[in-house]
């Protein structure tokens, strides 16, 4: 359980890093929507983890 959880966390981190790299290479008009979208994804991910760990 713990190892798979760490794998998920590292995968999420690598995806976030990739998104940030894409944002840096993109022109500024796309910056805000992509940022909001990635923040929403992170929020949904954290909520799903919280619900998953509930008894």
C-alpha atoms as a PDB file:
ATOM      1  CA  UNK A   1       0.000   0.000   0.000  1.00  0.00           C
ATOM      2  CA  UNK A   2       2.626   2.515   1.120  1.00  0.00           C
ATOM      3  CA  UNK A   3       4.927   1.902  -1.855  1.00  0.00           C
ATOM      4  CA  UNK A   4       2.105   2.278  -4.399  1.00  0.00           C
ATOM      5  CA  UNK A   5       1.042   5.508  -2.658  1.00  0.00           C
ATOM      6  CA  UNK A   6       4.594   6.867  -3.003  1.00  0.00           C
ATOM      7  CA  UNK A   7       4.603   5.847  -6.668  1.00  0.00           C
ATOM      8  CA  UNK A   8       1.368   7.787  -7.211  1.00  0.00           C
ATOM      9  CA  UNK A   9       2.829  10.837  -5.448  1.00  0.00           C
ATOM     10  CA  UNK A  10       6.005  10.747  -7.545  1.00  0.00           C
ATOM     11  CA  UNK A  11       3.963  10.330 -10.723  1.00  0.00           C
ATOM     12  CA  UNK A  12       1.841  13.352  -9.797  1.00  0.00           C
ATOM     13  CA  UNK A  13       4.984  15.376  -9.038  1.00  0.00           C
ATOM     14  CA  UNK A  14       6.541  14.478 -12.396  1.00  0.00           C
ATOM     15  CA  UNK A  15       3.309  15.436 -14.174  1.00  0.00           C
ATOM     16  CA  UNK A  16       3.245  18.773 -12.345  1.00  0.00           C
ATOM     17  CA  UNK A  17       6.887  19.396 -13.320  1.00  0.00           C
ATOM     18  CA  UNK A  18       6.075  18.569 -16.941  1.00  0.00           C
ATOM     19  CA  UNK A  19       3.089  20.935 -16.870  1.00  0.00           C
ATOM     20  CA  UNK A  20       5.272  23.693 -15.418  1.00  0.00           C
ATOM     21  CA  UNK A  21       7.901  23.115 -18.121  1.00  0.00           C
ATOM     22  CA  UNK A  22       5.204  23.384 -20.803  1.00  0.00           C
ATOM     23  CA  UNK A  23       3.889  26.582 -19.183  1.00  0.00           C
ATOM     24  CA  UNK A  24       7.396  28.083 -19.185  1.00  0.00           C
ATOM     25  CA  UNK A  25       7.823  27.294 -22.898  1.00  0.00           C
ATOM     26  CA  UNK A  26       4.344  28.538 -23.817  1.00  0.00           C
ATOM     27  CA  UNK A  27       3.319  32.098 -24.448  1.00  0.00           C
ATOM     28  CA  UNK A  28       1.747  33.966 -21.529  1.00  0.00           C
ATOM     29  CA  UNK A  29      -1.958  33.864 -22.634  1.00  0.00           C
ATOM     30  CA  UNK A  30      -2.060  30.135 -21.800  1.00  0.00           C
ATOM     31  CA  UNK A  31      -0.409  30.557 -18.410  1.00  0.00           C
ATOM     32  CA  UNK A  32      -3.458  31.280 -16.252  1.00  0.00           C
ATOM     33  CA  UNK A  33      -5.900  28.655 -17.638  1.00  0.00           C
ATOM     34  CA  UNK A  34      -3.280  25.891 -17.449  1.00  0.00           C
ATOM     35  CA  UNK A  35      -2.322  26.947 -13.927  1.00  0.00           C
ATOM     36  CA  UNK A  36      -5.962  26.924 -12.786  1.00  0.00           C
ATOM     37  CA  UNK A  37      -6.522  23.557 -14.486  1.00  0.00           C
ATOM     38  CA  UNK A  38      -3.477  21.963 -12.839  1.00  0.00           C
ATOM     39  CA  UNK A  39      -4.478  23.374  -9.439  1.00  0.00           C
ATOM     40  CA  UNK A  40      -7.961  21.874  -9.904  1.00  0.00           C
ATOM     41  CA  UNK A  41      -6.419  18.506 -10.772  1.00  0.00           C
ATOM     42  CA  UNK A  42      -4.217  18.626  -7.651  1.00  0.00           C
ATOM     43  CA  UNK A  43      -7.230  19.581  -5.516  1.00  0.00           C
ATOM     44  CA  UNK A  44      -9.313  16.691  -6.909  1.00  0.00           C
ATOM     45  CA  UNK A  45      -6.367  14.331  -6.308  1.00  0.00           C
ATOM     46  CA  UNK A  46      -5.989  15.436  -2.670  1.00  0.00           C
ATOM     47  CA  UNK A  47      -9.738  15.120  -2.046  1.00  0.00           C
ATOM     48  CA  UNK A  48      -9.773  11.618  -3.544  1.00  0.00           C
ATOM     49  CA  UNK A  49      -6.850  10.598  -1.300  1.00  0.00           C
ATOM     50  CA  UNK A  50      -8.670  12.001   1.757  1.00  0.00           C
ATOM     51  CA  UNK A  51     -11.853  10.101   0.849  1.00  0.00           C
ATOM     52  CA  UNK A  52      -9.861   6.930   0.135  1.00  0.00           C
ATOM     53  CA  UNK A  53      -8.170   7.009   3.553  1.00  0.00           C
ATOM     54  CA  UNK A  54     -11.432   7.615   5.420  1.00  0.00           C
ATOM     55  CA  UNK A  55     -12.648   4.623   7.460  1.00  0.00           C
END
